[in-house]
């Protein structure tokens, strides 16, 4: 279930700023902020034209951080992502020329249109916050967030993301179509102006980094940790699941719950946080058996069953 507690004022300000551009997607905005605060990454899967790229650009402008966009294509090489060493005849040395991965927020557009070899160039950056070129490891700017997009409908000429790559995304989100009233509001805003050009930064970079550190101090009780582990264990024995959630998924759910609680002004995680985040954090980490798909059972439905089957702890603050 969604948490309807008020947000901390700094985050409410950020959400309202982005809502000047993105109409009617408050939950998606909050979940994107959750990933940013938890030092995770976001996979946006939806049809073209629903505002995925606009959301990423608005998020970057709200914090006044560097944004770089990578258009993934079949001929893209790993060096096109992480950079390359180029020989400088003047100094007679090789100099590192950074790729577009070196930024605070990276928009990986249509990530499933490039080869697995190039997709794998993101793994170190997303997991370790660094890139290695010619044996030299370089740290990436902080904060560092990859927001990747993919089209769930058009599969021709695409490469499905391998499990190792999917596991690096903290959450998988869907924008969805706006309601008729929201779409009219969108048209009204775009009739005479471009809203993205009118929004500016509302939180300085140093404050964002401070808030990221504070998230780590959000308390997760033993009871809630057990609840998270019970959910993960259930995913490994569910009759419709071929491959359950890895321990990395358990860590991701806990980190996301810490950030989500912090955004809502709490210094402790409650079971409701875990329940609300479970579909976004766990569904893309499951491999569903083919026979379950024939019964029209997908990963989101399986996660809903896991939540329904797992007893909810009564007390989660100790």
Protein backbone atom coordinates (compact mmCIF):
# COMPACT_ATOMS: atom_id res chain seq x y z
CA UNK A 1 0.00 0.00 0.00
CA UNK A 2 1.14 3.58 -0.63
CA UNK A 3 2.32 5.70 2.28
CA UNK A 4 0.24 8.85 2.63
CA UNK A 5 2.32 10.54 5.33
CA UNK A 6 3.53 14.04 4.44
CA UNK A 7 7.01 14.35 3.00
CA UNK A 8 9.84 16.19 4.68
CA UNK A 9 9.76 19.82 3.46
CA UNK A 10 12.95 19.59 1.34
CA UNK A 11 11.57 16.58 -0.54
CA UNK A 12 8.10 18.08 -0.89
CA UNK A 13 9.78 21.06 -2.52
CA UNK A 14 11.62 18.80 -4.98
CA UNK A 15 8.48 16.83 -5.79
CA UNK A 16 6.45 19.98 -6.43
CA UNK A 17 9.23 21.32 -8.64
CA UNK A 18 9.20 18.19 -10.80
CA UNK A 19 5.39 18.18 -10.84
CA UNK A 20 5.55 21.42 -12.81
CA UNK A 21 6.77 19.23 -15.68
CA UNK A 22 5.40 15.75 -14.90
CA UNK A 23 1.64 15.75 -14.30
CA UNK A 24 -0.04 13.15 -12.11
CA UNK A 25 2.97 10.92 -11.40
CA UNK A 26 3.71 11.79 -7.79
CA UNK A 27 4.36 8.19 -6.73
CA UNK A 28 6.87 7.70 -9.57
CA UNK A 29 8.67 10.92 -8.60
CA UNK A 30 8.86 9.86 -4.94
CA UNK A 31 10.17 6.42 -5.89
CA UNK A 32 12.83 8.02 -8.13
CA UNK A 33 13.90 10.18 -5.18
CA UNK A 34 13.95 7.05 -3.03
CA UNK A 35 16.41 5.42 -5.42
CA UNK A 36 18.58 8.53 -5.50
CA UNK A 37 18.74 8.76 -1.70
CA UNK A 38 19.43 5.03 -1.38
CA UNK A 39 22.28 5.33 -3.92
CA UNK A 40 20.45 2.98 -6.25
CA UNK A 41 19.41 3.09 -9.90
CA UNK A 42 16.11 3.20 -11.76
CA UNK A 43 14.79 1.23 -14.72
CA UNK A 44 11.89 3.03 -16.41
CA UNK A 45 9.93 0.64 -18.58
CA UNK A 46 7.08 2.11 -20.60
CA UNK A 47 5.90 3.00 -24.05
CA UNK A 48 7.38 6.07 -25.80
CA UNK A 49 6.00 9.52 -25.10
CA UNK A 50 4.82 9.18 -21.50
CA UNK A 51 7.53 11.42 -19.99
CA UNK A 52 10.38 9.11 -19.03
CA UNK A 53 13.12 11.38 -20.41
CA UNK A 54 11.36 14.49 -19.09
CA UNK A 55 11.32 13.01 -15.59
CA UNK A 56 15.07 12.40 -15.66
CA UNK A 57 15.81 15.91 -16.94
CA UNK A 58 13.54 17.51 -14.34
CA UNK A 59 15.20 15.51 -11.57
CA UNK A 60 18.65 16.66 -12.68
CA UNK A 61 17.55 20.31 -12.89
CA UNK A 62 16.02 20.15 -9.41
CA UNK A 63 19.45 19.42 -7.92
CA UNK A 64 21.49 21.35 -10.51
CA UNK A 65 23.67 18.31 -11.17
CA UNK A 66 25.35 17.20 -14.37
CA UNK A 67 23.16 15.11 -16.64
CA UNK A 68 24.44 13.12 -19.61
CA UNK A 69 22.38 11.08 -22.04
CA UNK A 70 23.50 7.89 -23.78
CA UNK A 71 21.42 6.72 -26.72
CA UNK A 72 21.97 2.97 -26.76
CA UNK A 73 22.16 1.50 -30.27
CA UNK A 74 23.31 -1.88 -31.64
CA UNK A 75 26.67 -0.43 -32.76
CA UNK A 76 27.49 1.28 -29.44
CA UNK A 77 30.81 0.10 -27.93
CA UNK A 78 31.81 -0.12 -24.25
CA UNK A 79 34.40 2.61 -24.84
CA UNK A 80 31.59 4.88 -26.05
CA UNK A 81 30.12 4.58 -22.55
CA UNK A 82 33.03 4.58 -20.11
CA UNK A 83 35.59 6.50 -22.18
CA UNK A 84 38.95 5.70 -23.72
CA UNK A 85 42.64 6.50 -23.36
CA UNK A 86 44.00 8.64 -26.21
CA UNK A 87 47.69 9.13 -26.96
CA UNK A 88 48.84 12.75 -26.67
CA UNK A 89 51.92 13.29 -28.87
CA UNK A 90 52.83 16.47 -26.98
CA UNK A 91 53.14 14.78 -23.61
CA UNK A 92 53.90 11.34 -25.11
CA UNK A 93 51.39 9.86 -22.70
CA UNK A 94 47.95 8.35 -22.87
CA UNK A 95 45.23 10.60 -21.51
CA UNK A 96 41.83 9.46 -20.33
CA UNK A 97 38.91 10.95 -22.21
CA UNK A 98 35.82 10.42 -20.03
CA UNK A 99 32.74 8.85 -21.55
CA UNK A 100 29.18 10.00 -20.84
CA UNK A 101 29.00 7.66 -17.84
CA UNK A 102 31.01 10.29 -15.94
CA UNK A 103 28.15 12.43 -14.65
CA UNK A 104 25.89 12.73 -11.63
CA UNK A 105 22.79 11.48 -13.43
CA UNK A 106 23.06 9.32 -16.55
CA UNK A 107 20.07 8.80 -18.82
CA UNK A 108 20.60 5.41 -20.48
CA UNK A 109 18.00 5.69 -23.22
CA UNK A 110 16.64 2.45 -24.71
CA UNK A 111 19.23 0.41 -22.85
CA UNK A 112 17.97 -2.86 -24.33
CA UNK A 113 18.88 -1.79 -27.87
CA UNK A 114 22.59 -2.38 -27.39
CA UNK A 115 24.55 -5.61 -27.12
CA UNK A 116 25.14 -7.40 -23.79
CA UNK A 117 28.83 -6.54 -24.13
CA UNK A 118 28.05 -2.83 -24.05
CA UNK A 119 25.38 -3.26 -21.38
CA UNK A 120 28.03 -4.87 -19.19
CA UNK A 121 30.06 -1.65 -19.36
CA UNK A 122 27.56 -0.22 -16.88
CA UNK A 123 27.97 -2.96 -14.27
CA UNK A 124 31.04 -1.63 -12.47
CA UNK A 125 29.73 1.94 -12.56
CA UNK A 126 26.35 0.94 -11.11
CA UNK A 127 27.74 -1.38 -8.45
CA UNK A 128 31.02 0.25 -7.44
CA UNK A 129 30.57 3.88 -8.50
CA UNK A 130 33.74 3.73 -10.59
CA UNK A 131 35.04 2.91 -14.07
CA UNK A 132 38.21 1.09 -15.05
CA UNK A 133 40.01 1.96 -18.28
CA UNK A 134 43.39 0.44 -19.17
CA UNK A 135 43.77 -0.94 -15.67
CA UNK A 136 43.18 2.41 -13.94
CA UNK A 137 40.09 2.74 -11.74
CA UNK A 138 38.50 6.16 -11.44
CA UNK A 139 35.73 7.16 -9.06
CA UNK A 140 32.55 8.63 -10.51
CA UNK A 141 30.98 11.87 -9.25
CA UNK A 142 28.66 11.65 -6.27
CA UNK A 143 25.76 11.39 -6.21
CA UNK A 144 25.65 8.94 -9.11
CA UNK A 145 22.37 7.72 -10.55
CA UNK A 146 21.62 5.72 -13.69
CA UNK A 147 18.08 6.05 -14.98
CA UNK A 148 17.60 3.65 -17.87
CA UNK A 149 14.60 3.44 -20.18
CA UNK A 150 13.27 0.62 -22.29
CA UNK A 151 10.19 0.00 -24.40
CA UNK A 152 8.24 -3.10 -23.22
CA UNK A 153 6.30 -3.41 -26.47
CA UNK A 154 8.83 -3.26 -29.30
CA UNK A 155 11.22 -6.21 -29.09
CA UNK A 156 12.62 -6.29 -32.63
CA UNK A 157 16.31 -5.44 -32.60
CA UNK A 158 16.56 -5.50 -28.81
CA UNK A 159 18.66 -7.47 -26.34
CA UNK A 160 16.88 -8.48 -23.12
CA UNK A 161 18.76 -7.29 -20.06
CA UNK A 162 20.58 -10.18 -18.36
CA UNK A 163 19.74 -11.00 -14.76
CA UNK A 164 23.04 -9.55 -13.53
CA UNK A 165 22.18 -6.21 -15.12
CA UNK A 166 18.59 -6.17 -13.86
CA UNK A 167 19.84 -6.93 -10.35
CA UNK A 168 21.77 -3.64 -10.35
CA UNK A 169 18.58 -1.58 -10.62
CA UNK A 170 17.12 -0.75 -7.24
CA UNK A 171 13.61 -0.22 -8.63
CA UNK A 172 11.74 -0.80 -11.86
CA UNK A 173 9.04 1.79 -12.52
CA UNK A 174 6.23 2.32 -15.02
CA UNK A 175 5.00 5.81 -15.88
CA UNK A 176 1.67 4.83 -17.43
CA UNK A 177 -0.69 7.00 -19.41
CA UNK A 178 -2.15 10.12 -17.79
CA UNK A 179 -5.84 10.42 -17.03
CA UNK A 180 -7.93 12.61 -19.39
CA UNK A 181 -7.87 15.53 -16.91
CA UNK A 182 -4.11 15.17 -16.45
CA UNK A 183 -3.57 15.10 -20.19
CA UNK A 184 -5.62 18.29 -20.60
CA UNK A 185 -3.53 19.92 -17.88
CA UNK A 186 -0.40 18.84 -19.72
CA UNK A 187 -1.65 20.42 -22.95
CA UNK A 188 -2.49 23.64 -21.11
CA UNK A 189 1.02 23.88 -19.71
CA UNK A 190 2.65 23.21 -23.06
CA UNK A 191 0.40 25.52 -25.07
CA UNK A 192 2.61 28.58 -24.77
CA UNK A 193 5.71 27.49 -22.89
CA UNK A 194 8.14 24.65 -22.23
CA UNK A 195 7.81 23.91 -18.49
CA UNK A 196 11.23 22.25 -18.30
CA UNK A 197 12.92 25.54 -19.19
CA UNK A 198 11.11 27.30 -16.37
CA UNK A 199 12.08 25.08 -13.44
CA UNK A 200 15.34 25.51 -11.57
CA UNK A 201 17.32 23.93 -8.74
CA UNK A 202 15.58 23.66 -5.38
CA UNK A 203 18.20 21.70 -3.40
CA UNK A 204 21.98 22.27 -3.46
CA UNK A 205 24.30 19.37 -4.14
CA UNK A 206 25.93 19.42 -0.71
CA UNK A 207 22.53 19.15 0.99
CA UNK A 208 21.63 16.17 -1.18
CA UNK A 209 24.87 14.41 -0.21
CA UNK A 210 24.19 15.15 3.47
CA UNK A 211 20.69 13.67 3.20
CA UNK A 212 22.08 10.57 1.50
CA UNK A 213 24.35 10.02 4.49
CA UNK A 214 21.48 10.53 6.93
CA UNK A 215 19.45 7.83 5.21
CA UNK A 216 21.99 5.26 6.39
CA UNK A 217 21.07 6.15 9.96
CA UNK A 218 17.40 5.19 9.56
CA UNK A 219 16.72 2.33 11.99
CA UNK A 220 15.64 -1.08 10.69
CA UNK A 221 14.49 -3.31 13.53
CA UNK A 222 15.28 -7.00 13.73
CA UNK A 223 11.57 -7.66 13.26
CA UNK A 224 11.46 -5.76 9.97
CA UNK A 225 14.69 -7.38 8.80
CA UNK A 226 13.13 -10.78 9.47
CA UNK A 227 10.05 -9.70 7.50
CA UNK A 228 12.26 -8.72 4.54
CA UNK A 229 14.11 -12.04 4.69
CA UNK A 230 10.84 -13.97 4.92
CA UNK A 231 9.62 -12.27 1.73
CA UNK A 232 12.88 -13.09 -0.06
CA UNK A 233 12.80 -16.71 1.13
CA UNK A 234 9.22 -17.09 -0.05
CA UNK A 235 10.26 -15.91 -3.53
CA UNK A 236 12.68 -18.82 -3.79
CA UNK A 237 10.07 -21.48 -3.11
CA UNK A 238 7.06 -20.00 -4.91
CA UNK A 239 5.62 -22.52 -7.36
CA UNK A 240 5.59 -20.02 -10.26
CA UNK A 241 9.19 -18.86 -9.79
CA UNK A 242 12.15 -20.41 -11.57
CA UNK A 243 14.77 -18.16 -9.94
CA UNK A 244 14.02 -16.21 -6.78
CA UNK A 245 15.43 -12.99 -5.39
CA UNK A 246 19.14 -12.92 -4.57
CA UNK A 247 20.64 -11.59 -1.32
CA UNK A 248 21.40 -8.39 -3.23
CA UNK A 249 17.65 -8.02 -3.61
CA UNK A 250 17.16 -8.28 0.17
CA UNK A 251 19.75 -5.55 0.70
CA UNK A 252 18.09 -3.41 -1.98
CA UNK A 253 14.69 -3.73 -0.31
CA UNK A 254 16.12 -2.70 3.05
CA UNK A 255 18.02 0.28 1.59
CA UNK A 256 14.97 1.41 -0.36
CA UNK A 257 12.81 1.14 2.77
CA UNK A 258 15.30 3.27 4.72
CA UNK A 259 15.21 5.99 2.07
CA UNK A 260 11.43 5.83 1.72
CA UNK A 261 10.96 6.17 5.49
CA UNK A 262 13.40 9.08 5.60
CA UNK A 263 11.58 10.93 2.81
CA UNK A 264 8.40 10.64 4.89
CA UNK A 265 10.08 12.09 7.96
CA UNK A 266 10.68 8.92 9.96
CA UNK A 267 13.93 7.63 11.43
CA UNK A 268 12.68 4.04 11.44
CA UNK A 269 11.27 1.60 8.88
CA UNK A 270 7.79 0.13 9.25
CA UNK A 271 6.39 -2.99 7.52
CA UNK A 272 4.18 -0.77 5.33
CA UNK A 273 7.34 0.65 3.75
CA UNK A 274 8.47 -2.84 2.83
CA UNK A 275 5.06 -3.83 1.48
CA UNK A 276 4.74 -0.74 -0.69
CA UNK A 277 8.25 -1.05 -2.15
CA UNK A 278 8.27 -4.83 -2.69
CA UNK A 279 6.72 -4.80 -6.22
CA UNK A 280 9.13 -2.11 -7.43
CA UNK A 281 12.24 -3.67 -5.88
CA UNK A 282 11.57 -7.40 -6.28
CA UNK A 283 9.49 -8.01 -9.43
CA UNK A 284 12.27 -7.43 -11.96
CA UNK A 285 14.56 -9.77 -10.00
CA UNK A 286 12.27 -12.79 -10.45
CA UNK A 287 12.39 -15.32 -13.27
CA UNK A 288 8.91 -16.69 -13.84
CA UNK A 289 8.36 -20.23 -15.14
CA UNK A 290 6.97 -20.42 -18.70
CA UNK A 291 3.95 -22.44 -17.60
CA UNK A 292 3.05 -19.65 -15.12
CA UNK A 293 3.09 -17.12 -17.94
CA UNK A 294 0.61 -19.28 -19.83
CA UNK A 295 -1.70 -18.77 -16.86
CA UNK A 296 -1.18 -15.00 -17.30
CA UNK A 297 0.79 -14.78 -14.06
CA UNK A 298 3.52 -12.13 -14.17
CA UNK A 299 6.22 -11.06 -11.73
CA UNK A 300 4.17 -8.23 -10.20
CA UNK A 301 1.32 -10.65 -9.46
CA UNK A 302 3.77 -13.09 -7.87
CA UNK A 303 5.14 -10.36 -5.59
CA UNK A 304 1.57 -9.50 -4.56
CA UNK A 305 1.08 -13.16 -3.64
CA UNK A 306 4.34 -13.16 -1.67
CA UNK A 307 3.22 -10.12 0.32
CA UNK A 308 -0.19 -11.70 0.95
CA UNK A 309 1.34 -15.00 2.10
CA UNK A 310 4.02 -13.58 4.39
CA UNK A 311 2.86 -12.73 7.94
CA UNK A 312 3.24 -9.05 8.74
CA UNK A 313 5.02 -8.26 12.02
CA UNK A 314 2.93 -6.33 14.50
CA UNK A 315 5.78 -4.43 16.09
CA UNK A 316 8.54 -3.14 13.81
CA UNK A 317 10.43 -0.51 15.79
CA UNK A 318 12.55 -2.53 18.20
